[in-house]
C-alpha atoms as a PDB file:
ATOM      1  CA  MET A   1      24.716   6.539  -4.336  1.00  0.00           C
ATOM      2  CA  ARG A   2      24.395   5.609  -0.669  1.00  0.00           C
ATOM      3  CA  LYS A   3      26.228   6.834   2.384  1.00  0.00           C
ATOM      4  CA  HIS A   4      26.136   4.920   5.663  1.00  0.00           C
ATOM      5  CA  ILE A   5      27.091   6.528   8.972  1.00  0.00           C
ATOM      6  CA  LEU A   6      27.243   4.277  12.024  1.00  0.00           C
ATOM      7  CA  SER A   7      25.339   5.561  15.039  1.00  0.00           C
ATOM      8  CA  SER A   8      24.798   3.509  18.201  1.00  0.00           C
ATOM      9  CA  GLY A   9      25.609   0.373  16.271  1.00  0.00           C
ATOM     10  CA  LYS A  10      22.961   0.969  13.618  1.00  0.00           C
ATOM     11  CA  PRO A  11      23.379   2.846  10.334  1.00  0.00           C
ATOM     12  CA  THR A  12      22.071   6.293   9.703  1.00  0.00           C
ATOM     13  CA  ILE A  13      21.376   6.440   5.998  1.00  0.00           C
ATOM     14  CA  VAL A  14      21.354   9.338   3.557  1.00  0.00           C
ATOM     15  CA  PHE A  15      20.723   8.269  -0.020  1.00  0.00           C
ATOM     16  CA  ALA A  16      19.760   9.182  -3.559  1.00  0.00           C
ATOM     17  CA  VAL A  17      17.642   6.138  -4.486  1.00  0.00           C
ATOM     18  CA  LEU A  18      16.906   3.192  -2.212  1.00  0.00           C
ATOM     19  CA  PHE A  19      14.652   0.198  -2.906  1.00  0.00           C
ATOM     20  CA  LEU A  20      14.333  -2.240  -0.005  1.00  0.00           C
ATOM     21  CA  ILE A  21      13.196  -5.838  -0.438  1.00  0.00           C
ATOM     22  CA  ALA A  22      14.672  -7.244   2.794  1.00  0.00           C
ATOM     23  CA  ASN A  23      14.111  -6.310   6.443  1.00  0.00           C
ATOM     24  CA  VAL A  24      16.583  -3.776   7.853  1.00  0.00           C
ATOM     25  CA  THR A  25      17.125  -1.582  10.951  1.00  0.00           C
ATOM     26  CA  PHE A  26      18.336   2.029  10.908  1.00  0.00           C
ATOM     27  CA  ALA A  27      19.135   4.586  13.591  1.00  0.00           C
ATOM     28  CA  ASP A  28      17.911   7.571  11.539  1.00  0.00           C
ATOM     29  CA  ILE A  29      16.679   8.014   7.993  1.00  0.00           C
ATOM     30  CA  VAL A  30      17.070  11.196   5.958  1.00  0.00           C
ATOM     31  CA  ILE A  31      15.526  11.249   2.470  1.00  0.00           C
ATOM     32  CA  SER A  32      17.188  14.079   0.564  1.00  0.00           C
ATOM     33  CA  SER A  33      15.405  16.417  -1.846  1.00  0.00           C
ATOM     34  CA  GLY A  34      14.717  14.826  -5.228  1.00  0.00           C
ATOM     35  CA  THR A  35      15.357  11.291  -3.975  1.00  0.00           C
ATOM     36  CA  THR A  36      13.234   8.175  -3.475  1.00  0.00           C
ATOM     37  CA  MET A  37      12.782   5.489  -0.834  1.00  0.00           C
ATOM     38  CA  ASN A  38      10.565   2.537  -1.674  1.00  0.00           C
ATOM     39  CA  VAL A  39       9.828  -0.311   0.728  1.00  0.00           C
ATOM     40  CA  SER A  40       8.240  -3.260  -1.034  1.00  0.00           C
ATOM     41  CA  SER A  41       5.209  -5.133   0.273  1.00  0.00           C
ATOM     42  CA  GLY A  42       6.159  -7.693   2.926  1.00  0.00           C
ATOM     43  CA  THR A  43       9.343  -5.810   3.867  1.00  0.00           C
ATOM     44  CA  THR A  44       9.837  -4.202   7.282  1.00  0.00           C
ATOM     45  CA  VAL A  45      12.050  -1.230   8.095  1.00  0.00           C
ATOM     46  CA  VAL A  46      12.748  -0.805  11.825  1.00  0.00           C
ATOM     47  CA  LEU A  47      13.718   2.713  12.826  1.00  0.00           C
ATOM     48  CA  ALA A  48      15.464   3.411  16.141  1.00  0.00           C
ATOM     49  CA  GLY A  49      15.746   7.150  15.598  1.00  0.00           C
ATOM     50  CA  ASP A  50      14.224  10.023  13.645  1.00  0.00           C
ATOM     51  CA  PHE A  51      12.689  10.067  10.163  1.00  0.00           C
ATOM     52  CA  THR A  52      13.195  13.083   7.895  1.00  0.00           C
ATOM     53  CA  ASN A  53      11.671  13.136   4.417  1.00  0.00           C
ATOM     54  CA  ASN A  54      12.654  15.897   2.021  1.00  0.00           C
ATOM     55  CA  GLY A  55      12.170  13.701  -1.039  1.00  0.00           C
ATOM     56  CA  SER A  56       9.533  11.372  -2.469  1.00  0.00           C
ATOM     57  CA  ALA A  57       6.219  11.211  -0.617  1.00  0.00           C
ATOM     58  CA  ASP A  58       5.312   7.618  -1.569  1.00  0.00           C
ATOM     59  CA  LEU A  59       7.358   5.199   0.561  1.00  0.00           C
ATOM     60  CA  GLY A  60       5.952   1.978  -0.914  1.00  0.00           C
ATOM     61  CA  ASP A  61       3.686  -0.745   0.461  1.00  0.00           C
ATOM     62  CA  GLY A  62       5.955  -2.122   3.193  1.00  0.00           C
ATOM     63  CA  THR A  63       5.956  -1.553   6.941  1.00  0.00           C
ATOM     64  CA  PHE A  64       7.831   1.032   9.000  1.00  0.00           C
ATOM     65  CA  VAL A  65       8.274   0.230  12.693  1.00  0.00           C
ATOM     66  CA  PHE A  66       9.300   3.055  15.035  1.00  0.00           C
ATOM     67  CA  ASN A  67      11.048   1.202  17.843  1.00  0.00           C
ATOM     68  CA  ASP A  68      13.021   3.071  20.507  1.00  0.00           C
ATOM     69  CA  SER A  69      12.880   4.208  24.126  1.00  0.00           C
ATOM     70  CA  ASP A  70      13.394   7.903  23.318  1.00  0.00           C
ATOM     71  CA  LEU A  71      11.134  10.341  21.510  1.00  0.00           C
ATOM     72  CA  GLN A  72      11.244   9.815  17.742  1.00  0.00           C
ATOM     73  CA  ASN A  73      10.496  12.677  15.357  1.00  0.00           C
ATOM     74  CA  VAL A  74       8.948  12.621  11.896  1.00  0.00           C
ATOM     75  CA  GLY A  75       9.680  15.708   9.831  1.00  0.00           C
ATOM     76  CA  GLY A  76      10.962  17.106   6.571  1.00  0.00           C
ATOM     77  CA  THR A  77       9.457  19.080   3.719  1.00  0.00           C
ATOM     78  CA  SER A  78       7.467  16.182   2.209  1.00  0.00           C
ATOM     79  CA  ILE A  79       4.256  14.560   3.433  1.00  0.00           C
ATOM     80  CA  SER A  80       5.310  10.944   3.979  1.00  0.00           C
ATOM     81  CA  GLU A  81       2.953   8.258   2.667  1.00  0.00           C
ATOM     82  CA  PHE A  82       3.470   4.976   4.543  1.00  0.00           C
ATOM     83  CA  GLY A  83       2.106   1.618   3.472  1.00  0.00           C
ATOM     84  CA  ASN A  84       1.866   0.350   7.054  1.00  0.00           C
ATOM     85  CA  LEU A  85       3.102   2.080  10.189  1.00  0.00           C
ATOM     86  CA  THR A  86       3.747   0.583  13.639  1.00  0.00           C
ATOM     87  CA  ILE A  87       4.468   2.570  16.796  1.00  0.00           C
ATOM     88  CA  ASN A  88       6.412   0.412  19.275  1.00  0.00           C
ATOM     89  CA  ASN A  89       8.175   2.971  21.446  1.00  0.00           C
ATOM     90  CA  SER A  90       8.669   2.036  25.096  1.00  0.00           C
ATOM     91  CA  GLY A  91       9.456   5.611  26.110  1.00  0.00           C
ATOM     92  CA  PHE A  92       7.344   8.431  24.707  1.00  0.00           C
ATOM     93  CA  GLY A  93       6.420   7.615  21.135  1.00  0.00           C
ATOM     94  CA  ILE A  94       6.697   9.661  17.972  1.00  0.00           C
ATOM     95  CA  ALA A  95       6.009  13.341  17.373  1.00  0.00           C
ATOM     96  CA  LEU A  96       4.919  14.660  13.997  1.00  0.00           C
ATOM     97  CA  GLY A  97       6.601  17.748  12.608  1.00  0.00           C
ATOM     98  CA  GLN A  98       4.985  17.195   9.212  1.00  0.00           C
ATOM     99  CA  ASP A  99       1.746  15.659   7.923  1.00  0.00           C
ATOM    100  CA  ILE A 100       1.781  11.919   7.234  1.00  0.00           C
ATOM    101  CA  ARG A 101      -0.487   9.449   5.467  1.00  0.00           C
ATOM    102  CA  VAL A 102      -1.059   5.725   6.108  1.00  0.00           C
ATOM    103  CA  ASP A 103      -2.643   3.675   3.313  1.00  0.00           C
ATOM    104  CA  GLY A 104      -2.681   0.332   5.138  1.00  0.00           C
ATOM    105  CA  THR A 105      -2.643  -0.450   8.865  1.00  0.00           C
ATOM    106  CA  LEU A 106      -1.564   1.880  11.641  1.00  0.00           C
ATOM    107  CA  THR A 107      -0.628  -0.286  14.640  1.00  0.00           C
ATOM    108  CA  LEU A 108      -0.285   1.229  18.104  1.00  0.00           C
ATOM    109  CA  THR A 109       1.722  -1.361  20.032  1.00  0.00           C
ATOM    110  CA  SER A 110       3.355   0.910  22.616  1.00  0.00           C
ATOM    111  CA  GLY A 111       3.739   4.657  22.920  1.00  0.00           C
ATOM    112  CA  TYR A 112       2.003   7.717  21.556  1.00  0.00           C
ATOM    113  CA  LEU A 113       1.554   9.245  18.139  1.00  0.00           C
ATOM    114  CA  ALA A 114       1.525  12.979  18.883  1.00  0.00           C
ATOM    115  CA  LEU A 115      -0.011  15.071  16.114  1.00  0.00           C
ATOM    116  CA  GLY A 116       0.939  18.555  17.269  1.00  0.00           C
ATOM    117  CA  ALA A 117       0.141  20.904  14.391  1.00  0.00           C
ATOM    118  CA  SER A 118       0.374  18.097  11.803  1.00  0.00           C
ATOM    119  CA  ASP A 119      -2.357  15.916  10.302  1.00  0.00           C
ATOM    120  CA  LEU A 120      -2.626  12.134  10.116  1.00  0.00           C
ATOM    121  CA  THR A 121      -4.541  10.968   7.030  1.00  0.00           C
ATOM    122  CA  LEU A 122      -5.866   7.409   6.790  1.00  0.00           C
ATOM    123  CA  GLY A 123      -6.782   6.084   3.345  1.00  0.00           C
ATOM    124  CA  GLU A 124     -10.050   4.503   2.280  1.00  0.00           C
ATOM    125  CA  VAL A 125      -9.022   0.962   3.301  1.00  0.00           C
ATOM    126  CA  SER A 126      -6.851   1.990   6.260  1.00  0.00           C
ATOM    127  CA  SER A 127      -7.412   0.635   9.749  1.00  0.00           C
ATOM    128  CA  ILE A 128      -6.010   1.266  13.221  1.00  0.00           C
ATOM    129  CA  SER A 129      -5.126  -1.718  15.390  1.00  0.00           C
ATOM    130  CA  GLY A 130      -3.761  -2.172  18.893  1.00  0.00           C
ATOM    131  CA  THR A 131      -4.810  -2.348  22.532  1.00  0.00           C
ATOM    132  CA  PHE A 132      -5.644   1.295  23.081  1.00  0.00           C
ATOM    133  CA  SER A 133      -5.148   2.969  26.443  1.00  0.00           C
ATOM    134  CA  SER A 134      -3.604   6.021  28.088  1.00  0.00           C
ATOM    135  CA  SER A 135      -0.210   4.718  26.938  1.00  0.00           C
ATOM    136  CA  GLU A 136      -1.186   3.641  23.416  1.00  0.00           C
ATOM    137  CA  LEU A 137      -3.125   6.398  21.696  1.00  0.00           C
ATOM    138  CA  ILE A 138      -3.047   9.267  19.221  1.00  0.00           C
ATOM    139  CA  VAL A 139      -2.462  12.564  21.007  1.00  0.00           C
ATOM    140  CA  GLY A 140      -4.505  15.437  19.596  1.00  0.00           C
ATOM    141  CA  ALA A 141      -5.636  18.646  21.312  1.00  0.00           C
ATOM    142  CA  ALA A 142      -3.518  20.997  19.191  1.00  0.00           C
ATOM    143  CA  THR A 143      -4.392  21.959  15.590  1.00  0.00           C
ATOM    144  CA  GLY A 144      -3.541  18.634  13.954  1.00  0.00           C
ATOM    145  CA  VAL A 145      -6.381  16.239  13.098  1.00  0.00           C
ATOM    146  CA  ILE A 146      -7.012  12.592  12.276  1.00  0.00           C
ATOM    147  CA  ARG A 147      -8.503  12.474   8.776  1.00  0.00           C
ATOM    148  CA  LYS A 148     -10.257   9.280   7.606  1.00  0.00           C
ATOM    149  CA  GLU A 149     -11.090   8.929   3.926  1.00  0.00           C
ATOM    150  CA  PHE A 150     -14.106   7.012   2.596  1.00  0.00           C
ATOM    151  CA  ALA A 151     -14.700   5.402  -0.789  1.00  0.00           C
ATOM    152  CA  ASP A 152     -17.075   7.069  -3.227  1.00  0.00           C
ATOM    153  CA  ASP A 153     -20.558   5.598  -2.861  1.00  0.00           C
ATOM    154  CA  THR A 154     -24.238   6.550  -2.818  1.00  0.00           C
ATOM    155  CA  GLY A 155     -26.498   5.593   0.073  1.00  0.00           C
ATOM    156  CA  ALA A 156     -23.484   4.013   1.722  1.00  0.00           C
ATOM    157  CA  ASN A 157     -23.282   2.417   5.155  1.00  0.00           C
ATOM    158  CA  PRO A 158     -19.535   2.117   5.906  1.00  0.00           C
ATOM    159  CA  ASP A 159     -18.285   0.256   8.951  1.00  0.00           C
ATOM    160  CA  SER A 160     -18.048   2.138  12.223  1.00  0.00           C
ATOM    161  CA  PHE A 161     -14.603   3.676  12.681  1.00  0.00           C
ATOM    162  CA  LEU A 162     -12.887   4.188  16.039  1.00  0.00           C
ATOM    163  CA  PHE A 163     -10.538   7.146  16.446  1.00  0.00           C
ATOM    164  CA  PRO A 164      -8.263   6.228  19.418  1.00  0.00           C
ATOM    165  CA  ILE A 165      -7.494   9.802  20.358  1.00  0.00           C
ATOM    166  CA  GLY A 166      -6.566  11.540  23.593  1.00  0.00           C
ATOM    167  CA  ASP A 167      -5.177  14.805  24.895  1.00  0.00           C
ATOM    168  CA  LEU A 168      -1.851  16.286  25.951  1.00  0.00           C
ATOM    169  CA  SER A 169      -2.341  14.855  29.464  1.00  0.00           C
ATOM    170  CA  TYR A 170      -2.570  11.373  27.878  1.00  0.00           C
ATOM    171  CA  ASN A 171      -6.188  10.814  28.816  1.00  0.00           C
ATOM    172  CA  TYR A 172      -7.592   8.201  26.445  1.00  0.00           C
ATOM    173  CA  THR A 173     -10.873   9.717  25.210  1.00  0.00           C
ATOM    174  CA  PRO A 174     -11.771   7.989  21.929  1.00  0.00           C
ATOM    175  CA  ILE A 175     -14.663   8.663  19.605  1.00  0.00           C
ATOM    176  CA  SER A 176     -16.287   6.375  17.040  1.00  0.00           C
ATOM    177  CA  ILE A 177     -18.275   7.460  13.984  1.00  0.00           C
ATOM    178  CA  ASP A 178     -20.885   5.105  12.551  1.00  0.00           C
ATOM    179  CA  PHE A 179     -22.670   6.197   9.363  1.00  0.00           C
ATOM    180  CA  SER A 180     -26.050   4.603   8.729  1.00  0.00           C
ATOM    181  CA  THR A 181     -26.350   6.276   5.317  1.00  0.00           C
ATOM    182  CA  GLY A 182     -24.752   8.937   3.171  1.00  0.00           C
ATOM    183  CA  ASP A 183     -23.560   9.932  -0.284  1.00  0.00           C
ATOM    184  CA  PHE A 184     -19.755   9.956  -0.397  1.00  0.00           C
ATOM    185  CA  SER A 185     -17.632  11.723  -3.024  1.00  0.00           C
ATOM    186  CA  SER A 186     -13.923  12.352  -2.316  1.00  0.00           C
ATOM    187  CA  ALA A 187     -15.130  12.136   1.255  1.00  0.00           C
ATOM    188  CA  TYR A 188     -13.395  12.255   4.589  1.00  0.00           C
ATOM    189  CA  VAL A 189     -14.029  12.942   8.271  1.00  0.00           C
ATOM    190  CA  GLU A 190     -11.697  14.958  10.502  1.00  0.00           C
ATOM    191  CA  ILE A 191     -11.493  14.447  14.272  1.00  0.00           C
ATOM    192  CA  ASN A 192      -9.812  16.184  17.165  1.00  0.00           C
ATOM    193  CA  VAL A 193     -10.367  16.374  20.925  1.00  0.00           C
ATOM    194  CA  HIS A 194      -9.785  19.133  23.461  1.00  0.00           C
ATOM    195  CA  ASN A 195      -9.405  18.913  27.226  1.00  0.00           C
ATOM    196  CA  ALA A 196     -11.480  22.031  27.921  1.00  0.00           C
ATOM    197  CA  LYS A 197     -15.061  23.188  28.190  1.00  0.00           C
ATOM    198  CA  GLU A 198     -16.635  23.690  24.760  1.00  0.00           C
ATOM    199  CA  PRO A 199     -16.570  27.479  24.178  1.00  0.00           C
ATOM    200  CA  SER A 200     -20.300  27.653  23.322  1.00  0.00           C
ATOM    201  CA  ASN A 201     -21.403  25.640  26.355  1.00  0.00           C
ATOM    202  CA  THR A 202     -23.258  28.102  28.617  1.00  0.00           C
ATOM    203  CA  SER A 203     -23.651  25.777  31.608  1.00  0.00           C
ATOM    204  CA  ILE A 204     -21.939  27.109  34.744  1.00  0.00           C
ATOM    205  CA  ASP A 205     -22.749  24.291  37.166  1.00  0.00           C
ATOM    206  CA  SER A 206     -22.408  20.926  35.435  1.00  0.00           C
ATOM    207  CA  TYR A 207     -20.389  20.274  32.274  1.00  0.00           C
ATOM    208  CA  LEU A 208     -17.440  18.387  30.840  1.00  0.00           C
ATOM    209  CA  ASN A 209     -13.970  19.767  30.418  1.00  0.00           C
ATOM    210  CA  ARG A 210     -13.895  17.836  27.150  1.00  0.00           C
ATOM    211  CA  TYR A 211     -15.195  18.259  23.618  1.00  0.00           C
ATOM    212  CA  TRP A 212     -14.612  16.627  20.266  1.00  0.00           C
ATOM    213  CA  GLU A 213     -14.483  18.340  16.890  1.00  0.00           C
ATOM    214  CA  ILE A 214     -16.062  16.444  13.974  1.00  0.00           C
ATOM    215  CA  TYR A 215     -15.858  17.804  10.432  1.00  0.00           C
ATOM    216  CA  THR A 216     -17.286  16.072   7.370  1.00  0.00           C
ATOM    217  CA  PHE A 217     -16.217  16.806   3.786  1.00  0.00           C
ATOM    218  CA  GLY A 218     -17.692  15.448   0.560  1.00  0.00           C
ATOM    219  CA  ILE A 219     -20.569  13.718   2.382  1.00  0.00           C
ATOM    220  CA  THR A 220     -24.217  14.652   1.803  1.00  0.00           C
ATOM    221  CA  ASP A 221     -27.578  13.279   2.930  1.00  0.00           C
ATOM    222  CA  TYR A 222     -25.876  11.504   5.788  1.00  0.00           C
ATOM    223  CA  LEU A 223     -26.816  10.221   9.193  1.00  0.00           C
ATOM    224  CA  TYR A 224     -24.321   8.982  11.760  1.00  0.00           C
ATOM    225  CA  ASP A 225     -23.967   8.076  15.417  1.00  0.00           C
ATOM    226  CA  ALA A 226     -21.010   9.429  17.372  1.00  0.00           C
ATOM    227  CA  THR A 227     -19.953   7.676  20.573  1.00  0.00           C
ATOM    228  CA  ALA A 228     -17.313   9.407  22.678  1.00  0.00           C
ATOM    229  CA  THR A 229     -15.649   8.479  25.974  1.00  0.00           C
ATOM    230  CA  TYR A 230     -14.577  10.929  28.655  1.00  0.00           C
ATOM    231  CA  VAL A 231     -12.659  10.383  31.897  1.00  0.00           C
ATOM    232  CA  ASP A 232     -13.823  11.097  35.455  1.00  0.00           C
ATOM    233  CA  GLY A 233     -11.509  14.080  35.689  1.00  0.00           C
ATOM    234  CA  ASP A 234     -13.496  15.808  32.917  1.00  0.00           C
ATOM    235  CA  ILE A 235     -16.632  16.077  35.063  1.00  0.00           C
ATOM    236  CA  VAL A 236     -17.492  19.393  36.661  1.00  0.00           C
ATOM    237  CA  GLY A 237     -20.543  19.410  38.924  1.00  0.00           C
ATOM    238  CA  THR A 238     -23.081  16.593  38.777  1.00  0.00           C
ATOM    239  CA  GLU A 239     -22.569  14.037  36.030  1.00  0.00           C
ATOM    240  CA  ALA A 240     -26.280  13.150  35.869  1.00  0.00           C
ATOM    241  CA  ASP A 241     -27.083  16.759  34.977  1.00  0.00           C
ATOM    242  CA  ILE A 242     -24.782  16.750  31.933  1.00  0.00           C
ATOM    243  CA  SER A 243     -26.247  16.111  28.496  1.00  0.00           C
ATOM    244  CA  GLY A 244     -24.508  15.589  25.168  1.00  0.00           C
ATOM    245  CA  ALA A 245     -25.040  18.097  22.390  1.00  0.00           C
ATOM    246  CA  LEU A 246     -23.957  18.824  18.836  1.00  0.00           C
ATOM    247  CA  TYR A 247     -22.920  22.388  18.026  1.00  0.00           C
ATOM    248  CA  THR A 248     -22.971  23.167  14.317  1.00  0.00           C
ATOM    249  CA  GLY A 249     -21.612  26.688  14.520  1.00  0.00           C
ATOM    250  CA  THR A 250     -24.952  28.494  14.670  1.00  0.00           C
END
């Protein structure tokens, strides 16, 4: 059973079961409790409004494109699992009110993906594409994280992964993680960034108002390089007197 409601010339859809095999555009989508939406591979759903998922988590292997000039919200009681997700919002971008997962490609064409208190999980084969900048980035700095999963392997050397993250002031301050070795089992890395002095940094003269949180899970005997980028406004004091450091909690 499907119910269409016209809004701004595009349908808002509330449904029981919906399988899409052809491209379509909606104003808003609401997936009701106990219901399913499945977008087949090669199919694109363009959304010009909000996305609310109270039903099935798995949305299929197709592509969702968030395309509007106003803020678009992702919420509901279910963690939405997208095949591919594209952010093409000429205004603000999209704000998460619930965790999401992307199993394929996350494309940042225009606008922000603001995590807030929600997490973005990227699967083992997931990638992030786009021309990243202060207007095309993932906004962290709250409690939500970017989580990247890695395939099970021993003595692995996975490709370097760039996390195109920034803060609530839309400073683009990415970090890349490059493992040279490690044993991976149900493994993932979590990343966030904060536009503030690291609480354990005792320097009073020269420091950055910027730090990145890196958490590893299910990875042992590992070695990695982390490369992070800050902006000029982060520098307090003399930049040449600032050194990078890793704080492990002790």
